[in-house]
N, C-alpha and C. Protein backbone atom coordinates (compact mmCIF):
# COMPACT_ATOMS: atom_id res chain seq x y z
N MET A 1 113.00 181.95 150.99
CA MET A 1 113.88 181.00 151.64
C MET A 1 113.07 179.95 152.40
N ASP A 2 111.97 180.38 153.01
CA ASP A 2 111.13 179.44 153.76
C ASP A 2 110.59 178.33 152.86
N LEU A 3 110.28 178.68 151.62
CA LEU A 3 109.77 177.68 150.68
C LEU A 3 110.81 176.59 150.45
N LEU A 4 112.06 176.98 150.32
CA LEU A 4 113.12 175.99 150.11
C LEU A 4 113.29 175.10 151.34
N VAL A 5 113.15 175.68 152.51
CA VAL A 5 113.24 174.90 153.75
C VAL A 5 112.07 173.92 153.83
N ASP A 6 110.89 174.36 153.41
CA ASP A 6 109.72 173.49 153.43
C ASP A 6 109.90 172.24 152.56
N TYR A 7 110.71 172.35 151.52
CA TYR A 7 110.94 171.21 150.63
C TYR A 7 112.09 170.31 151.08
N GLY A 8 112.66 170.57 152.23
CA GLY A 8 113.67 169.70 152.82
C GLY A 8 114.89 169.50 151.94
N TYR A 9 115.21 168.24 151.70
CA TYR A 9 116.41 167.90 150.92
C TYR A 9 116.36 168.47 149.51
N ILE A 10 115.18 168.42 148.89
CA ILE A 10 115.04 168.95 147.53
C ILE A 10 115.24 170.47 147.55
N GLY A 11 114.70 171.13 148.55
CA GLY A 11 114.88 172.57 148.68
C GLY A 11 116.35 172.94 148.87
N LEU A 12 117.07 172.13 149.65
CA LEU A 12 118.49 172.37 149.85
C LEU A 12 119.25 172.16 148.54
N PHE A 13 118.90 171.12 147.82
CA PHE A 13 119.55 170.86 146.54
C PHE A 13 119.37 172.06 145.61
N ILE A 14 118.15 172.56 145.51
CA ILE A 14 117.86 173.72 144.64
C ILE A 14 118.64 174.94 145.12
N ALA A 15 118.63 175.19 146.43
CA ALA A 15 119.33 176.36 146.98
C ALA A 15 120.83 176.27 146.72
N SER A 16 121.40 175.09 146.94
CA SER A 16 122.85 174.97 146.76
C SER A 16 123.24 175.00 145.28
N PHE A 17 122.38 174.46 144.41
CA PHE A 17 122.64 174.56 142.97
C PHE A 17 122.64 176.02 142.54
N LEU A 18 121.58 176.74 142.90
CA LEU A 18 121.46 178.13 142.48
C LEU A 18 122.54 179.01 143.11
N ALA A 19 122.92 178.72 144.35
CA ALA A 19 123.95 179.51 145.03
C ALA A 19 125.31 179.38 144.35
N ALA A 20 125.54 178.28 143.66
CA ALA A 20 126.83 178.07 142.99
C ALA A 20 126.87 178.70 141.60
N THR A 21 125.73 179.11 141.09
CA THR A 21 125.71 179.80 139.81
C THR A 21 125.91 181.29 140.10
N ILE A 22 125.72 182.10 139.11
CA ILE A 22 125.94 183.53 139.31
C ILE A 22 124.75 184.22 139.97
N LEU A 23 123.78 183.43 140.45
CA LEU A 23 122.64 183.99 141.17
C LEU A 23 122.97 184.11 142.66
N PRO A 24 122.62 185.24 143.27
CA PRO A 24 122.92 185.40 144.70
C PRO A 24 121.87 184.68 145.57
N LEU A 25 122.29 183.60 146.20
CA LEU A 25 121.41 182.83 147.07
C LEU A 25 122.27 182.17 148.13
N SER A 26 121.71 181.99 149.33
CA SER A 26 122.49 181.42 150.42
C SER A 26 122.01 180.02 150.78
N SER A 27 122.78 179.03 150.36
CA SER A 27 122.45 177.66 150.71
C SER A 27 122.74 177.39 152.19
N GLU A 28 123.62 178.19 152.77
CA GLU A 28 123.98 178.00 154.18
C GLU A 28 122.78 178.20 155.10
N LEU A 29 121.94 179.19 154.78
CA LEU A 29 120.75 179.42 155.60
C LEU A 29 119.78 178.25 155.54
N VAL A 30 119.61 177.70 154.35
CA VAL A 30 118.73 176.55 154.19
C VAL A 30 119.32 175.34 154.93
N LEU A 31 120.61 175.11 154.78
CA LEU A 31 121.28 174.02 155.49
C LEU A 31 121.09 174.15 156.99
N GLY A 32 121.32 175.34 157.51
CA GLY A 32 121.17 175.57 158.95
C GLY A 32 119.75 175.33 159.43
N ALA A 33 118.78 175.82 158.69
CA ALA A 33 117.38 175.63 159.07
C ALA A 33 117.01 174.15 159.07
N LEU A 34 117.50 173.41 158.09
CA LEU A 34 117.17 171.99 158.01
C LEU A 34 117.87 171.18 159.11
N ILE A 35 119.07 171.56 159.48
CA ILE A 35 119.74 170.90 160.61
C ILE A 35 118.96 171.16 161.88
N ILE A 36 118.55 172.40 162.07
CA ILE A 36 117.75 172.75 163.26
C ILE A 36 116.43 171.98 163.27
N ASN A 37 115.87 171.72 162.09
CA ASN A 37 114.61 170.96 161.99
C ASN A 37 114.81 169.46 162.16
N GLY A 38 116.05 169.03 162.36
CA GLY A 38 116.30 167.63 162.69
C GLY A 38 116.59 166.69 161.53
N LEU A 39 116.81 167.22 160.33
CA LEU A 39 117.16 166.34 159.22
C LEU A 39 118.59 165.84 159.39
N SER A 40 118.92 164.75 158.76
CA SER A 40 120.23 164.12 158.87
C SER A 40 121.35 165.05 158.38
N PRO A 41 122.25 165.46 159.29
CA PRO A 41 123.34 166.34 158.87
C PRO A 41 124.22 165.73 157.78
N GLN A 42 124.47 164.42 157.87
CA GLN A 42 125.32 163.77 156.87
C GLN A 42 124.67 163.82 155.49
N LEU A 43 123.40 163.51 155.43
CA LEU A 43 122.70 163.53 154.16
C LEU A 43 122.57 164.97 153.64
N LEU A 44 122.36 165.92 154.53
CA LEU A 44 122.29 167.32 154.13
C LEU A 44 123.60 167.78 153.51
N VAL A 45 124.72 167.38 154.10
CA VAL A 45 126.04 167.75 153.56
C VAL A 45 126.21 167.17 152.16
N ILE A 46 125.80 165.94 151.96
CA ILE A 46 125.92 165.30 150.65
C ILE A 46 125.02 166.00 149.63
N VAL A 47 123.78 166.26 149.99
CA VAL A 47 122.84 166.91 149.07
C VAL A 47 123.33 168.31 148.70
N ALA A 48 123.77 169.06 149.70
CA ALA A 48 124.26 170.42 149.45
C ALA A 48 125.50 170.39 148.55
N THR A 49 126.38 169.45 148.80
CA THR A 49 127.61 169.35 148.00
C THR A 49 127.27 169.01 146.55
N VAL A 50 126.42 168.02 146.35
CA VAL A 50 126.05 167.62 144.98
C VAL A 50 125.40 168.79 144.24
N GLY A 51 124.47 169.46 144.89
CA GLY A 51 123.81 170.60 144.25
C GLY A 51 124.79 171.71 143.92
N ASN A 52 125.69 172.01 144.86
CA ASN A 52 126.65 173.08 144.67
C ASN A 52 127.66 172.74 143.58
N VAL A 53 128.11 171.50 143.54
CA VAL A 53 129.07 171.10 142.50
C VAL A 53 128.39 171.14 141.12
N LEU A 54 127.15 170.70 141.04
CA LEU A 54 126.44 170.78 139.75
C LEU A 54 126.22 172.23 139.31
N GLY A 55 125.99 173.13 140.26
CA GLY A 55 125.90 174.54 139.93
C GLY A 55 127.23 175.07 139.40
N SER A 56 128.32 174.66 140.03
CA SER A 56 129.64 175.06 139.55
C SER A 56 129.93 174.48 138.17
N LEU A 57 129.44 173.28 137.94
CA LEU A 57 129.61 172.65 136.63
C LEU A 57 128.85 173.45 135.55
N THR A 58 127.74 174.02 135.93
CA THR A 58 126.99 174.89 135.01
C THR A 58 127.85 176.11 134.65
N ASN A 59 128.51 176.70 135.64
CA ASN A 59 129.41 177.83 135.38
C ASN A 59 130.56 177.41 134.46
N TYR A 60 131.11 176.24 134.73
CA TYR A 60 132.20 175.70 133.91
C TYR A 60 131.74 175.58 132.46
N ALA A 61 130.56 175.01 132.25
CA ALA A 61 130.01 174.84 130.90
C ALA A 61 129.80 176.20 130.23
N LEU A 62 129.33 177.16 131.00
CA LEU A 62 129.14 178.51 130.47
C LEU A 62 130.48 179.06 129.99
N GLY A 63 131.52 178.90 130.82
CA GLY A 63 132.85 179.37 130.42
C GLY A 63 133.41 178.60 129.24
N TYR A 64 133.12 177.33 129.19
CA TYR A 64 133.63 176.47 128.13
C TYR A 64 133.02 176.82 126.78
N TRP A 65 131.71 177.08 126.76
CA TRP A 65 131.00 177.24 125.49
C TRP A 65 130.66 178.68 125.10
N ALA A 66 130.60 179.58 126.06
CA ALA A 66 130.23 180.96 125.72
C ALA A 66 131.46 181.75 125.26
N SER A 67 131.23 182.76 124.46
CA SER A 67 132.34 183.60 124.02
C SER A 67 132.76 184.54 125.15
N LYS A 68 133.97 185.05 125.05
CA LYS A 68 134.44 185.99 126.08
C LYS A 68 133.55 187.23 126.13
N THR A 69 133.07 187.67 124.99
CA THR A 69 132.21 188.85 124.94
C THR A 69 130.93 188.62 125.74
N VAL A 70 130.32 187.47 125.55
CA VAL A 70 129.09 187.14 126.29
C VAL A 70 129.40 187.05 127.79
N LEU A 71 130.49 186.37 128.14
CA LEU A 71 130.85 186.22 129.55
C LEU A 71 131.12 187.57 130.19
N GLN A 72 131.84 188.43 129.50
CA GLN A 72 132.14 189.74 130.05
C GLN A 72 130.86 190.54 130.28
N LYS A 73 129.92 190.40 129.39
CA LYS A 73 128.65 191.11 129.53
C LYS A 73 127.85 190.55 130.71
N TRP A 74 127.73 189.21 130.79
CA TRP A 74 126.95 188.59 131.85
C TRP A 74 127.59 188.77 133.22
N LEU A 75 128.92 188.65 133.27
CA LEU A 75 129.63 188.75 134.55
C LEU A 75 130.06 190.16 134.87
N LYS A 76 129.77 191.09 133.97
CA LYS A 76 130.14 192.50 134.16
C LYS A 76 131.65 192.65 134.37
N MET A 77 132.42 191.94 133.52
CA MET A 77 133.88 191.99 133.60
C MET A 77 134.43 192.73 132.39
N SER A 78 135.38 193.64 132.64
CA SER A 78 136.07 194.29 131.53
C SER A 78 137.11 193.32 130.97
N GLU A 79 137.67 193.68 129.83
CA GLU A 79 138.71 192.84 129.24
C GLU A 79 139.90 192.72 130.19
N SER A 80 140.26 193.83 130.84
CA SER A 80 141.41 193.78 131.77
C SER A 80 141.09 192.92 132.99
N ASP A 81 139.85 192.97 133.48
CA ASP A 81 139.46 192.10 134.61
C ASP A 81 139.55 190.63 134.21
N PHE A 82 139.13 190.36 132.99
CA PHE A 82 139.14 188.99 132.49
C PHE A 82 140.58 188.48 132.39
N VAL A 83 141.47 189.32 131.86
CA VAL A 83 142.88 188.96 131.73
C VAL A 83 143.50 188.74 133.11
N LYS A 84 143.17 189.61 134.07
CA LYS A 84 143.69 189.46 135.44
C LYS A 84 143.24 188.15 136.06
N ALA A 85 141.98 187.82 135.85
CA ALA A 85 141.45 186.56 136.40
C ALA A 85 142.19 185.37 135.80
N GLU A 86 142.42 185.40 134.51
CA GLU A 86 143.16 184.31 133.86
C GLU A 86 144.59 184.23 134.38
N GLU A 87 145.22 185.39 134.58
CA GLU A 87 146.60 185.42 135.09
C GLU A 87 146.67 184.83 136.50
N LYS A 88 145.71 185.19 137.34
CA LYS A 88 145.70 184.64 138.70
C LYS A 88 145.48 183.12 138.67
N PHE A 89 144.60 182.69 137.80
CA PHE A 89 144.35 181.26 137.68
C PHE A 89 145.63 180.56 137.24
N ASN A 90 146.32 181.14 136.27
CA ASN A 90 147.59 180.57 135.81
C ASN A 90 148.66 180.60 136.91
N LYS A 91 148.67 181.67 137.68
CA LYS A 91 149.68 181.83 138.73
C LYS A 91 149.52 180.77 139.82
N TYR A 92 148.30 180.56 140.27
CA TYR A 92 148.06 179.65 141.39
C TYR A 92 147.73 178.23 140.96
N GLY A 93 147.38 178.06 139.70
CA GLY A 93 147.14 176.73 139.17
C GLY A 93 145.83 176.10 139.62
N LEU A 94 145.72 174.82 139.35
CA LEU A 94 144.49 174.07 139.62
C LEU A 94 144.05 174.09 141.09
N PRO A 95 144.98 174.09 142.08
CA PRO A 95 144.52 174.08 143.47
C PRO A 95 143.61 175.24 143.86
N VAL A 96 143.62 176.30 143.07
CA VAL A 96 142.74 177.43 143.35
C VAL A 96 141.27 176.99 143.30
N LEU A 97 140.98 175.91 142.58
CA LEU A 97 139.61 175.42 142.49
C LEU A 97 139.11 174.87 143.83
N LEU A 98 140.00 174.58 144.76
CA LEU A 98 139.58 174.18 146.10
C LEU A 98 138.81 175.30 146.79
N PHE A 99 138.97 176.52 146.29
CA PHE A 99 138.32 177.69 146.89
C PHE A 99 137.12 178.16 146.08
N ALA A 100 136.56 177.28 145.27
CA ALA A 100 135.39 177.63 144.47
C ALA A 100 134.16 177.93 145.34
N TRP A 101 134.22 177.57 146.61
CA TRP A 101 133.10 177.81 147.52
C TRP A 101 133.12 179.23 148.10
N VAL A 102 134.22 179.94 147.97
CA VAL A 102 134.36 181.26 148.59
C VAL A 102 133.42 182.26 147.91
N PRO A 103 132.62 182.96 148.70
CA PRO A 103 131.71 183.96 148.11
C PRO A 103 132.48 184.99 147.27
N VAL A 104 131.87 185.48 146.26
CA VAL A 104 132.34 186.51 145.33
C VAL A 104 133.36 185.96 144.33
N ILE A 105 134.40 185.26 144.79
CA ILE A 105 135.43 184.79 143.86
C ILE A 105 135.17 183.39 143.31
N GLY A 106 134.38 182.60 144.01
CA GLY A 106 134.19 181.20 143.63
C GLY A 106 133.51 181.02 142.28
N ASP A 107 132.45 181.77 142.05
CA ASP A 107 131.71 181.62 140.78
C ASP A 107 132.57 182.01 139.58
N PRO A 108 133.24 183.17 139.61
CA PRO A 108 134.12 183.49 138.48
C PRO A 108 135.25 182.46 138.28
N LEU A 109 135.75 181.90 139.38
CA LEU A 109 136.79 180.87 139.24
C LEU A 109 136.30 179.69 138.42
N THR A 110 135.07 179.28 138.68
CA THR A 110 134.55 178.12 137.96
C THR A 110 134.27 178.44 136.49
N VAL A 111 133.90 179.69 136.21
CA VAL A 111 133.70 180.10 134.82
C VAL A 111 135.05 180.14 134.10
N ILE A 112 136.04 180.74 134.74
CA ILE A 112 137.38 180.85 134.14
C ILE A 112 137.96 179.46 133.89
N ALA A 113 137.68 178.52 134.80
CA ALA A 113 138.16 177.15 134.60
C ALA A 113 137.61 176.58 133.29
N GLY A 114 136.37 176.89 132.98
CA GLY A 114 135.78 176.44 131.72
C GLY A 114 136.42 177.14 130.53
N VAL A 115 136.62 178.44 130.65
CA VAL A 115 137.26 179.20 129.58
C VAL A 115 138.65 178.63 129.28
N MET A 116 139.37 178.27 130.34
CA MET A 116 140.74 177.79 130.20
C MET A 116 140.81 176.30 129.90
N ARG A 117 139.64 175.68 129.74
CA ARG A 117 139.56 174.26 129.36
C ARG A 117 140.28 173.34 130.36
N VAL A 118 140.10 173.65 131.65
CA VAL A 118 140.64 172.76 132.68
C VAL A 118 140.02 171.39 132.48
N ARG A 119 140.82 170.34 132.61
CA ARG A 119 140.28 168.99 132.45
C ARG A 119 139.14 168.79 133.43
N LEU A 120 138.04 168.30 132.91
CA LEU A 120 136.81 168.15 133.68
C LEU A 120 137.01 167.29 134.93
N VAL A 121 137.77 166.23 134.83
CA VAL A 121 137.98 165.35 135.98
C VAL A 121 138.65 166.11 137.12
N TRP A 122 139.67 166.94 136.81
CA TRP A 122 140.34 167.71 137.86
C TRP A 122 139.41 168.78 138.42
N PHE A 123 138.64 169.39 137.55
CA PHE A 123 137.68 170.39 137.99
C PHE A 123 136.72 169.77 139.02
N LEU A 124 136.13 168.63 138.66
CA LEU A 124 135.16 167.99 139.55
C LEU A 124 135.79 167.54 140.87
N ILE A 125 136.99 166.98 140.81
CA ILE A 125 137.65 166.52 142.04
C ILE A 125 137.93 167.68 142.98
N LEU A 126 138.58 168.73 142.47
CA LEU A 126 139.00 169.85 143.32
C LEU A 126 137.80 170.65 143.84
N VAL A 127 136.86 170.94 142.97
CA VAL A 127 135.67 171.70 143.40
C VAL A 127 134.88 170.88 144.44
N SER A 128 134.74 169.59 144.21
CA SER A 128 134.00 168.74 145.15
C SER A 128 134.67 168.68 146.52
N ILE A 129 135.99 168.56 146.54
CA ILE A 129 136.71 168.52 147.82
C ILE A 129 136.47 169.81 148.60
N GLY A 130 136.64 170.95 147.94
CA GLY A 130 136.44 172.23 148.62
C GLY A 130 135.03 172.40 149.14
N LYS A 131 134.07 172.02 148.34
CA LYS A 131 132.67 172.24 148.73
C LYS A 131 132.21 171.27 149.82
N ILE A 132 132.63 170.02 149.75
CA ILE A 132 132.20 169.09 150.80
C ILE A 132 132.84 169.47 152.14
N LEU A 133 134.09 169.92 152.10
CA LEU A 133 134.74 170.36 153.35
C LEU A 133 134.02 171.57 153.92
N ARG A 134 133.61 172.47 153.06
CA ARG A 134 132.89 173.67 153.52
C ARG A 134 131.58 173.28 154.22
N TYR A 135 130.77 172.45 153.58
CA TYR A 135 129.50 172.06 154.17
C TYR A 135 129.68 171.20 155.42
N TYR A 136 130.70 170.36 155.42
CA TYR A 136 130.99 169.53 156.59
C TYR A 136 131.34 170.41 157.80
N VAL A 137 132.22 171.37 157.59
CA VAL A 137 132.61 172.28 158.68
C VAL A 137 131.40 173.09 159.14
N LEU A 138 130.65 173.61 158.21
CA LEU A 138 129.46 174.41 158.55
C LEU A 138 128.45 173.58 159.35
N ALA A 139 128.19 172.37 158.91
CA ALA A 139 127.23 171.51 159.61
C ALA A 139 127.73 171.22 161.03
N ASN A 140 129.01 170.94 161.18
CA ASN A 140 129.55 170.65 162.51
C ASN A 140 129.53 171.88 163.41
N LEU A 141 129.74 173.06 162.86
CA LEU A 141 129.63 174.28 163.65
C LEU A 141 128.19 174.50 164.14
N LEU A 142 127.25 174.18 163.27
CA LEU A 142 125.84 174.34 163.63
C LEU A 142 125.41 173.32 164.68
N LEU A 143 126.05 172.16 164.68
CA LEU A 143 125.71 171.11 165.64
C LEU A 143 126.38 171.29 166.99
N ALA A 144 127.43 172.10 167.02
CA ALA A 144 128.21 172.29 168.26
C ALA A 144 127.46 173.10 169.30
């Protein structure tokens, strides 16, 4: 984690990109360390959001192009888990993508969005809104 902090904005971009994929990484720690080190909170929020949205877009692409069998193997999901995830997505609709930032459920949501062929423009708008609000609130809490 220290290495990512040492790289400043680029380190945050990498951390937030990887954190949005199925890899376990905390971009929040890098964001907090960089705010404490005096980097621009506004620019940090933008960099973290762009990296995180691009990571989610990677998950979307994985869902869009990979077979269900491959996804179930990589995500360790049974067929019934996969069906349940699709049902929940259908039940709550597109606004559920506003919660793509939530740990544990966010990454599968973005994969399922790809599987379900959610229009890319709506995916990007909703995921971006949720993620920028998350980083904005986090940055302001750290500054308080």
